[in-house]
Amino acid sequence: MTDSAPLPSGSVAVVLLAGGVGARAGFGLPKQLVPIGGKSVLRWSLDAFAAHPAIGAGVLVGDDDVVAAAGPLPAGWTTAAPGIERQQSVANALGALADWSDDAILLVHDAARPGVSAAVIDRLLAAVAEGAVAATPTLPVPDTLISEVDGVAGDVTDRRRLARVQTPQAFRLGALRRAHAGAGDEAATDDAQLVRRLGHAVATVPGDARLHKLTYADDLIILSALLGGGKAAMRTAVGMGYDVHRLVPDKPLWIGGIEIAHSHGLEGHSDADVALHALTDAILGALADGDIGDHFPPSDPQWRGAASWRFLAFAAERVAARGGRITHVDLTIIAEAPKIGPHRAAIRARLSEILAISIETISVKATTTERLGFTGRREGIAAQAIATLELPEN
């Protein structure tokens, strides 16, 4: 995805849903107008979409008071009335885009998720540009899930194939039009479900913890920290990670979140990505939050063969949940073979995607042990990493 050509400027449209009242939050005003860091929840999304070069039009779905409070709309944007349900609101917005081609790409976003990043938008647009009819950002489910009846814990639910769905979601406009035209009275909580009912696959891309949804009053505290609106004093925390895996024949080799062609791969319970494991431990170390084995124990069969980017995304989400941010990571890969140099740029780009941080804050280096030790004998590969975080003092 990261090697895709950029989409033409202005070739993407957005539907921004701001029709809810947010009664569960209890703010006394629509939750999309609640201020965070000096501007409304709604304005955070508007500004993010306006700044993206591929986006040329948009529809703000909201009542007159919300539209007036939103402030100036970006160039090329219009408005549509909200429906009683979310599905009707999207349908109304589609009507406002009647002159757009079926081949256009449309992003549909909930205004209650103010932390829109250019990185997530880029990942979604790349997925659709490369052939997906629809794409949605997701985050792994880190917590144990149980059934619960009348305040009593029940059975554990298998979370191996579960993920948390976020917005914006991206679609070929024609497919979304057909999905809504055929929906009838059958409700869906998001548009990706409607497109799946047509038989289309929905691609997933890594999400972002900053896309946390404002639903309850406590969510405002989380979002204030995630988006930098909090006033807490910050401290610097540094963590170090180190990992080793044995090389074995006839197995794919994953290093730094990318697959590298080689005669051998790394042996482990997951995909054994030694670089991502070291970096995950470095971030968890800076948080003083245990290590990768505490959160993803090898004894748990659900992690057998798991993609290690999920572990790293989990660590980044833990940083965001604390109101912190990752300011720099430094990764060193120790291997006699294969040569890492030709893959450094791709690894840096992949880490930028997973961590949702600038590539300029990511260092990737490689070295050998001059044929000494197990790495020198090509028996295994090691990696060490340092992560620097900013965390609230409290």
Protein backbone atom coordinates (compact mmCIF):
# COMPACT_ATOMS: atom_id res chain seq x y z
CA MET A 1 0.00 0.00 0.00
CA THR A 2 2.70 2.46 0.89
CA ASP A 3 4.17 2.30 -2.63
CA SER A 4 0.92 3.31 -4.36
CA ALA A 5 0.92 6.42 -6.48
CA PRO A 6 -0.88 9.33 -4.83
CA LEU A 7 -4.44 9.93 -5.92
CA PRO A 8 -5.13 13.03 -8.02
CA SER A 9 -5.76 16.14 -5.98
CA GLY A 10 -9.43 16.65 -5.19
CA SER A 11 -10.54 13.19 -6.37
CA VAL A 12 -12.07 12.08 -3.06
CA ALA A 13 -15.28 13.18 -1.33
CA VAL A 14 -16.25 12.96 2.35
CA VAL A 15 -19.51 12.48 4.21
CA LEU A 16 -19.19 13.82 7.76
CA LEU A 17 -22.04 12.66 9.97
CA ALA A 18 -22.89 15.19 12.68
CA GLY A 19 -26.59 14.60 13.16
CA GLY A 20 -26.57 12.92 16.59
CA VAL A 21 -27.46 14.64 19.86
CA GLY A 22 -25.22 12.59 22.15
CA ALA A 23 -27.74 12.18 24.96
CA ARG A 24 -25.63 9.50 26.68
CA ALA A 25 -22.77 11.96 27.17
CA GLY A 26 -25.01 14.36 29.10
CA PHE A 27 -23.22 17.54 27.98
CA GLY A 28 -26.36 19.63 27.48
CA LEU A 29 -25.38 20.32 23.85
CA PRO A 30 -24.67 18.10 20.84
CA LYS A 31 -21.49 16.17 21.56
CA GLN A 32 -20.00 17.15 18.22
CA LEU A 33 -19.92 20.77 19.43
CA VAL A 34 -18.12 20.05 22.70
CA PRO A 35 -14.73 21.85 22.73
CA ILE A 36 -11.43 19.99 22.92
CA GLY A 37 -8.19 21.93 22.91
CA GLY A 38 -9.82 25.16 21.80
CA LYS A 39 -12.06 23.88 19.00
CA SER A 40 -15.15 21.71 18.70
CA VAL A 41 -15.11 17.96 18.20
CA LEU A 42 -16.68 18.57 14.79
CA ARG A 43 -14.06 21.13 13.79
CA TRP A 44 -11.23 18.66 14.45
CA SER A 45 -12.56 16.41 11.66
CA LEU A 46 -13.34 19.28 9.29
CA ASP A 47 -9.82 20.66 9.62
CA ALA A 48 -8.23 17.23 9.09
CA PHE A 49 -10.18 16.56 5.90
CA ALA A 50 -9.63 20.10 4.59
CA ALA A 51 -5.87 19.64 4.97
CA HIS A 52 -5.69 16.43 2.93
CA PRO A 53 -4.75 17.09 -0.72
CA ALA A 54 -6.78 14.21 -2.21
CA ILE A 55 -10.09 15.46 -0.77
CA GLY A 56 -11.98 17.83 -3.04
CA ALA A 57 -15.53 17.85 -1.72
CA GLY A 58 -17.59 16.96 1.30
CA VAL A 59 -21.06 16.86 2.78
CA LEU A 60 -21.64 17.91 6.38
CA VAL A 61 -24.77 16.18 7.66
CA GLY A 62 -26.27 18.11 10.55
CA ASP A 63 -29.16 20.31 11.56
CA ASP A 64 -29.08 24.09 11.09
CA ASP A 65 -27.70 24.80 14.57
CA VAL A 66 -24.84 22.32 14.17
CA VAL A 67 -23.97 23.63 10.71
CA ALA A 68 -23.97 27.22 11.97
CA ALA A 69 -21.79 26.33 14.97
CA ALA A 70 -19.31 24.40 12.83
CA GLY A 71 -17.93 27.58 11.32
CA PRO A 72 -16.73 28.01 7.73
CA LEU A 73 -16.86 24.85 5.63
CA PRO A 74 -13.88 23.82 3.51
CA ALA A 75 -13.98 24.73 -0.18
CA GLY A 76 -16.19 22.37 -2.17
CA TRP A 77 -18.28 21.31 0.81
CA THR A 78 -22.06 21.43 1.14
CA THR A 79 -24.62 20.32 3.72
CA ALA A 80 -27.42 17.78 4.02
CA ALA A 81 -30.18 17.25 6.55
CA PRO A 82 -29.79 14.41 9.05
CA GLY A 83 -32.19 11.48 9.10
CA ILE A 84 -33.75 9.85 12.13
CA GLU A 85 -31.19 7.05 11.83
CA ARG A 86 -27.58 7.08 10.68
CA GLN A 87 -28.44 5.12 7.54
CA GLN A 88 -30.85 7.81 6.37
CA SER A 89 -28.28 10.53 7.07
CA VAL A 90 -25.79 8.82 4.74
CA ALA A 91 -28.47 8.37 2.10
CA ASN A 92 -29.26 12.10 2.27
CA ALA A 93 -25.57 12.90 1.81
CA LEU A 94 -25.35 10.60 -1.21
CA GLY A 95 -28.12 12.64 -2.78
CA ALA A 96 -25.96 15.74 -2.44
CA LEU A 97 -23.21 13.96 -4.41
CA ALA A 98 -25.41 12.95 -7.34
CA ASP A 99 -23.05 14.49 -9.91
CA TRP A 100 -20.05 12.45 -8.70
CA SER A 101 -19.01 9.38 -10.71
CA ASP A 102 -19.57 5.87 -9.41
CA ASP A 103 -15.80 5.37 -9.70
CA ALA A 104 -15.05 8.15 -7.19
CA ILE A 105 -13.86 7.31 -3.69
CA LEU A 106 -16.00 8.37 -0.76
CA LEU A 107 -15.02 8.54 2.91
CA VAL A 108 -17.80 8.27 5.50
CA HIS A 109 -16.89 9.50 8.97
CA ASP A 110 -18.60 9.94 12.34
CA ALA A 111 -18.02 13.45 13.67
CA ALA A 112 -17.84 12.00 17.20
CA ARG A 113 -14.36 10.67 16.28
CA PRO A 114 -12.28 13.86 16.13
CA GLY A 115 -8.81 12.30 15.89
CA VAL A 116 -8.64 11.88 12.11
CA SER A 117 -5.07 11.53 10.86
CA ALA A 118 -3.65 11.83 7.37
CA ALA A 119 -1.98 8.44 7.84
CA VAL A 120 -5.31 6.63 8.29
CA ILE A 121 -6.82 8.48 5.34
CA ASP A 122 -3.83 7.49 3.19
CA ARG A 123 -4.14 3.83 4.19
CA LEU A 124 -7.84 3.76 3.31
CA LEU A 125 -7.39 5.50 -0.03
CA ALA A 126 -4.53 3.18 -0.96
CA ALA A 127 -6.65 0.10 -0.20
CA VAL A 128 -9.48 1.26 -2.47
CA ALA A 129 -7.12 2.53 -5.17
CA GLU A 130 -5.53 -0.94 -5.24
CA GLY A 131 -8.83 -2.68 -5.90
CA ALA A 132 -10.88 -2.94 -2.71
CA VAL A 133 -14.52 -1.88 -3.03
CA ALA A 134 -14.53 -0.81 0.61
CA ALA A 135 -12.03 -0.44 3.45
CA THR A 136 -12.29 0.24 7.15
CA PRO A 137 -9.72 1.00 9.87
CA THR A 138 -9.58 -1.48 12.74
CA LEU A 139 -7.75 -1.96 16.01
CA PRO A 140 -7.05 -5.30 17.72
CA VAL A 141 -9.06 -6.26 20.80
CA PRO A 142 -6.52 -6.43 23.66
CA ASP A 143 -8.91 -7.21 26.51
CA THR A 144 -10.40 -10.52 27.54
CA LEU A 145 -14.03 -10.67 26.38
CA ILE A 146 -16.75 -12.43 28.35
CA SER A 147 -20.48 -12.84 28.25
CA GLU A 148 -22.26 -11.19 31.18
CA VAL A 149 -25.77 -11.78 32.52
CA ASP A 150 -27.22 -9.86 35.47
CA GLY A 151 -23.82 -8.78 36.73
CA VAL A 152 -22.31 -12.28 36.62
CA ALA A 153 -19.31 -13.10 34.42
CA GLY A 154 -19.90 -15.84 31.88
CA ASP A 155 -17.79 -17.66 29.33
CA VAL A 156 -14.78 -16.10 27.63
CA THR A 157 -15.40 -15.12 24.01
CA ASP A 158 -12.70 -16.02 21.49
CA ARG A 159 -11.21 -12.71 20.36
CA ARG A 160 -8.76 -14.09 17.78
CA ARG A 161 -10.90 -12.99 14.86
CA LEU A 162 -12.38 -9.89 16.46
CA ALA A 163 -11.39 -6.29 15.82
CA ARG A 164 -12.62 -2.83 16.77
CA VAL A 165 -14.07 -0.97 13.79
CA GLN A 166 -13.47 2.75 13.37
CA THR A 167 -14.27 5.46 10.85
CA PRO A 168 -13.65 7.00 8.36
CA GLN A 169 -14.54 4.12 6.05
CA ALA A 170 -13.71 4.31 2.35
CA PHE A 171 -15.86 3.13 -0.58
CA ARG A 172 -16.19 3.18 -4.30
CA LEU A 173 -19.12 5.54 -4.55
CA GLY A 174 -21.12 3.30 -6.88
CA ALA A 175 -20.93 0.35 -4.50
CA LEU A 176 -22.13 2.46 -1.59
CA ARG A 177 -24.99 3.82 -3.67
CA ARG A 178 -26.10 0.30 -4.55
CA ALA A 179 -25.74 -0.82 -0.93
CA HIS A 180 -28.02 1.93 0.32
CA ALA A 181 -30.51 1.48 -2.52
CA GLY A 182 -30.88 -2.18 -1.61
CA ALA A 183 -30.86 -1.80 2.17
CA GLY A 184 -34.58 -1.29 2.61
CA ASP A 185 -35.62 -1.33 6.26
CA GLU A 186 -32.74 -3.58 7.31
CA ALA A 187 -30.61 -1.46 9.65
CA ALA A 188 -26.84 -1.50 9.90
CA THR A 189 -24.54 0.28 12.36
CA ASP A 190 -22.07 1.26 9.65
CA ASP A 191 -21.84 1.40 5.88
CA ALA A 192 -19.28 -1.38 5.55
CA GLN A 193 -21.95 -3.84 6.72
CA LEU A 194 -24.28 -2.71 3.93
CA VAL A 195 -21.58 -3.19 1.31
CA ARG A 196 -20.78 -6.67 2.66
CA ARG A 197 -24.44 -7.60 2.18
CA LEU A 198 -23.89 -7.08 -1.55
CA GLY A 199 -21.23 -9.79 -1.40
CA HIS A 200 -18.21 -7.46 -1.53
CA ALA A 201 -15.19 -7.99 0.69
CA VAL A 202 -14.28 -5.09 2.99
CA ALA A 203 -10.53 -4.57 3.38
CA THR A 204 -9.12 -3.64 6.77
CA VAL A 205 -6.23 -1.26 7.45
CA PRO A 206 -4.54 -0.39 10.74
CA GLY A 207 -6.58 2.13 12.72
CA ASP A 208 -5.50 4.77 15.20
CA ALA A 209 -6.21 5.03 18.92
CA ARG A 210 -6.80 8.76 18.42
CA LEU A 211 -9.99 7.86 16.56
CA HIS A 212 -11.57 7.11 19.92
CA LYS A 213 -15.30 7.83 19.83
CA LEU A 214 -16.97 10.38 22.09
CA THR A 215 -19.95 8.55 23.56
CA TYR A 216 -19.85 9.10 27.33
CA ALA A 217 -18.59 11.97 29.45
CA ASP A 218 -15.44 10.04 30.43
CA ASP A 219 -14.51 9.78 26.76
CA LEU A 220 -13.93 13.53 26.73
CA ILE A 221 -11.07 13.08 29.24
CA ILE A 222 -9.48 10.43 27.02
CA LEU A 223 -9.85 12.50 23.86
CA SER A 224 -8.48 15.63 25.52
CA ALA A 225 -5.32 13.71 26.31
CA LEU A 226 -5.11 12.01 22.91
CA LEU A 227 -5.52 15.24 20.97
CA GLY A 228 -3.31 17.38 23.14
CA GLY A 229 -6.04 19.41 24.78
CA GLY A 230 -5.14 18.37 28.30
CA LYS A 231 -3.05 20.57 30.60
CA ALA A 232 -1.06 17.84 32.32
CA ALA A 233 2.69 18.35 32.66
CA MET A 234 4.61 15.88 30.53
CA ARG A 235 7.66 13.78 31.34
CA THR A 236 10.01 11.87 29.07
CA ALA A 237 10.12 8.08 29.40
CA VAL A 238 12.59 5.79 27.62
CA GLY A 239 12.31 2.04 27.18
CA MET A 240 14.62 -0.60 25.70
CA GLY A 241 13.67 -3.85 24.01
CA TYR A 242 15.69 -6.85 22.83
CA ASP A 243 14.60 -10.02 21.09
CA VAL A 244 16.13 -13.06 19.36
CA HIS A 245 14.63 -15.73 17.11
CA ARG A 246 16.15 -18.81 15.50
CA LEU A 247 16.33 -19.07 11.70
CA VAL A 248 14.67 -22.17 10.24
CA PRO A 249 14.20 -23.31 6.62
CA ASP A 250 10.95 -23.21 4.67
CA LYS A 251 9.31 -20.38 6.58
CA PRO A 252 8.51 -16.78 5.58
CA LEU A 253 10.84 -14.15 6.99
CA TRP A 254 9.11 -11.15 8.57
CA ILE A 255 11.27 -8.28 9.80
CA GLY A 256 9.99 -4.83 10.67
CA GLY A 257 6.47 -5.57 9.51
CA ILE A 258 7.44 -6.55 5.96
CA GLU A 259 8.13 -9.92 4.38
CA ILE A 260 11.67 -10.30 3.06
CA ALA A 261 12.62 -12.95 0.52
CA HIS A 262 15.16 -15.31 2.10
CA SER A 263 15.99 -19.01 2.31
CA HIS A 264 15.06 -19.11 6.01
CA GLY A 265 12.44 -17.58 8.28
CA LEU A 266 12.26 -16.96 11.99
CA GLU A 267 10.84 -19.55 14.36
CA GLY A 268 8.32 -18.45 16.99
CA HIS A 269 4.78 -18.72 18.28
CA SER A 270 3.63 -15.71 16.25
CA ASP A 271 5.15 -14.66 12.92
CA ALA A 272 8.37 -14.17 14.96
CA ASP A 273 9.06 -10.66 13.69
CA VAL A 274 12.10 -10.04 15.87
CA ALA A 275 12.22 -6.30 15.09
CA LEU A 276 8.58 -5.62 15.99
CA HIS A 277 8.92 -7.70 19.15
CA ALA A 278 11.92 -5.68 20.31
CA LEU A 279 10.16 -2.40 19.54
CA THR A 280 6.97 -3.52 21.28
CA ASP A 281 8.99 -4.35 24.41
CA ALA A 282 10.74 -0.97 24.22
CA ILE A 283 7.41 0.88 24.22
CA LEU A 284 5.96 -1.29 26.98
CA GLY A 285 9.17 -0.75 28.94
CA ALA A 286 8.84 3.02 28.68
CA LEU A 287 5.30 2.62 30.01
CA ALA A 288 6.51 0.31 32.81
CA ASP A 289 3.77 -1.98 31.55
CA GLY A 290 5.40 -5.41 31.50
CA ASP A 291 6.60 -7.03 28.31
CA ILE A 292 5.18 -8.63 25.21
CA GLY A 293 4.89 -12.03 26.90
CA ASP A 294 2.69 -10.58 29.65
CA HIS A 295 0.14 -9.27 27.16
CA PHE A 296 0.47 -11.94 24.44
CA PRO A 297 1.66 -15.13 26.18
CA PRO A 298 3.03 -17.90 23.93
CA SER A 299 0.91 -20.34 25.91
CA ASP A 300 -2.23 -18.73 24.47
CA PRO A 301 -3.11 -20.52 21.20
CA GLN A 302 -4.88 -17.46 19.80
CA TRP A 303 -1.49 -15.84 19.09
CA ARG A 304 -0.13 -18.81 17.10
CA GLY A 305 1.01 -17.38 13.78
CA ALA A 306 -0.33 -13.91 14.66
CA ALA A 307 0.96 -10.89 12.75
CA SER A 308 3.31 -9.01 15.06
CA TRP A 309 2.08 -5.60 13.89
CA ARG A 310 -0.90 -6.25 16.12
CA PHE A 311 1.39 -6.38 19.16
CA LEU A 312 3.08 -3.12 18.19
CA ALA A 313 -0.25 -1.40 17.50
CA PHE A 314 -1.44 -2.56 20.92
CA ALA A 315 1.62 -0.98 22.58
CA ALA A 316 1.01 2.28 20.70
CA GLU A 317 -2.61 2.23 21.82
CA ARG A 318 -1.48 1.84 25.44
CA VAL A 319 0.60 4.99 25.02
CA ALA A 320 -2.35 6.92 23.62
CA ALA A 321 -4.67 5.65 26.37
CA ARG A 322 -2.26 7.14 28.93
CA GLY A 323 -2.46 10.51 27.19
CA GLY A 324 1.07 10.13 25.88
CA ARG A 325 2.78 10.08 22.51
CA ILE A 326 5.71 8.32 20.90
CA THR A 327 8.33 10.92 20.02
CA HIS A 328 11.12 8.71 18.62
CA VAL A 329 12.01 5.07 18.05
CA ASP A 330 15.42 3.63 17.22
CA LEU A 331 15.63 0.05 15.94
CA THR A 332 18.80 -1.97 15.28
CA ILE A 333 18.59 -5.32 13.48
CA ILE A 334 21.53 -7.69 13.99
CA ALA A 335 21.85 -10.21 11.16
CA GLU A 336 24.52 -11.70 8.95
CA ALA A 337 21.93 -12.30 6.24
CA PRO A 338 19.76 -11.13 4.60
CA LYS A 339 21.01 -7.61 4.02
CA ILE A 340 18.63 -5.16 5.70
CA GLY A 341 19.85 -2.02 3.94
CA PRO A 342 17.71 -2.46 0.80
CA HIS A 343 14.61 -2.80 3.00
CA ARG A 344 15.19 0.07 5.45
CA ALA A 345 12.89 2.53 3.68
CA ALA A 346 10.03 0.00 3.53
CA ILE A 347 10.49 -0.90 7.21
CA ARG A 348 10.45 2.76 8.25
CA ALA A 349 7.29 3.35 6.22
CA ARG A 350 5.59 0.31 7.75
CA LEU A 351 6.51 1.38 11.29
CA SER A 352 5.11 4.83 10.54
CA GLU A 353 1.82 3.21 9.52
CA ILE A 354 1.55 0.96 12.56
CA LEU A 355 2.58 3.57 15.13
CA ALA A 356 0.84 6.50 13.38
CA ILE A 357 3.93 8.68 13.83
CA SER A 358 6.04 10.62 11.36
CA ILE A 359 8.65 8.64 9.46
CA GLU A 360 11.11 11.37 10.45
CA THR A 361 10.95 10.10 14.05
CA ILE A 362 11.83 6.51 13.12
CA SER A 363 15.41 5.23 12.88
CA VAL A 364 16.17 1.79 11.45
CA LYS A 365 19.75 0.49 11.40
CA ALA A 366 21.38 -2.85 10.74
CA THR A 367 24.68 -4.43 11.70
CA THR A 368 26.46 -7.78 11.87
CA THR A 369 28.60 -9.40 14.56
CA GLU A 370 31.51 -9.93 12.18
CA ARG A 371 30.60 -13.64 11.91
CA LEU A 372 30.88 -14.09 15.69
CA GLY A 373 28.22 -15.80 17.80
CA PHE A 374 24.86 -17.24 16.78
CA THR A 375 24.01 -14.35 14.44
CA GLY A 376 27.44 -14.59 12.83
CA ARG A 377 26.86 -18.29 12.23
CA ARG A 378 23.47 -17.40 10.67
CA GLU A 379 21.62 -19.40 13.29
CA GLY A 380 19.32 -16.54 14.21
CA ILE A 381 18.55 -12.82 14.05
CA ALA A 382 18.46 -10.37 16.95
CA ALA A 383 17.04 -6.88 17.32
CA GLN A 384 17.27 -4.16 19.91
CA ALA A 385 15.14 -1.04 20.13
CA ILE A 386 14.80 2.16 22.12
CA ALA A 387 11.51 4.06 22.35
CA THR A 388 11.15 7.59 23.67
CA LEU A 389 7.74 8.69 24.91
CA GLU A 390 6.13 11.77 26.39
CA LEU A 391 3.71 10.85 29.18
CA PRO A 392 1.58 12.93 31.57
CA GLU A 393 3.16 13.37 34.98
CA ASN A 394 0.04 12.02 36.66
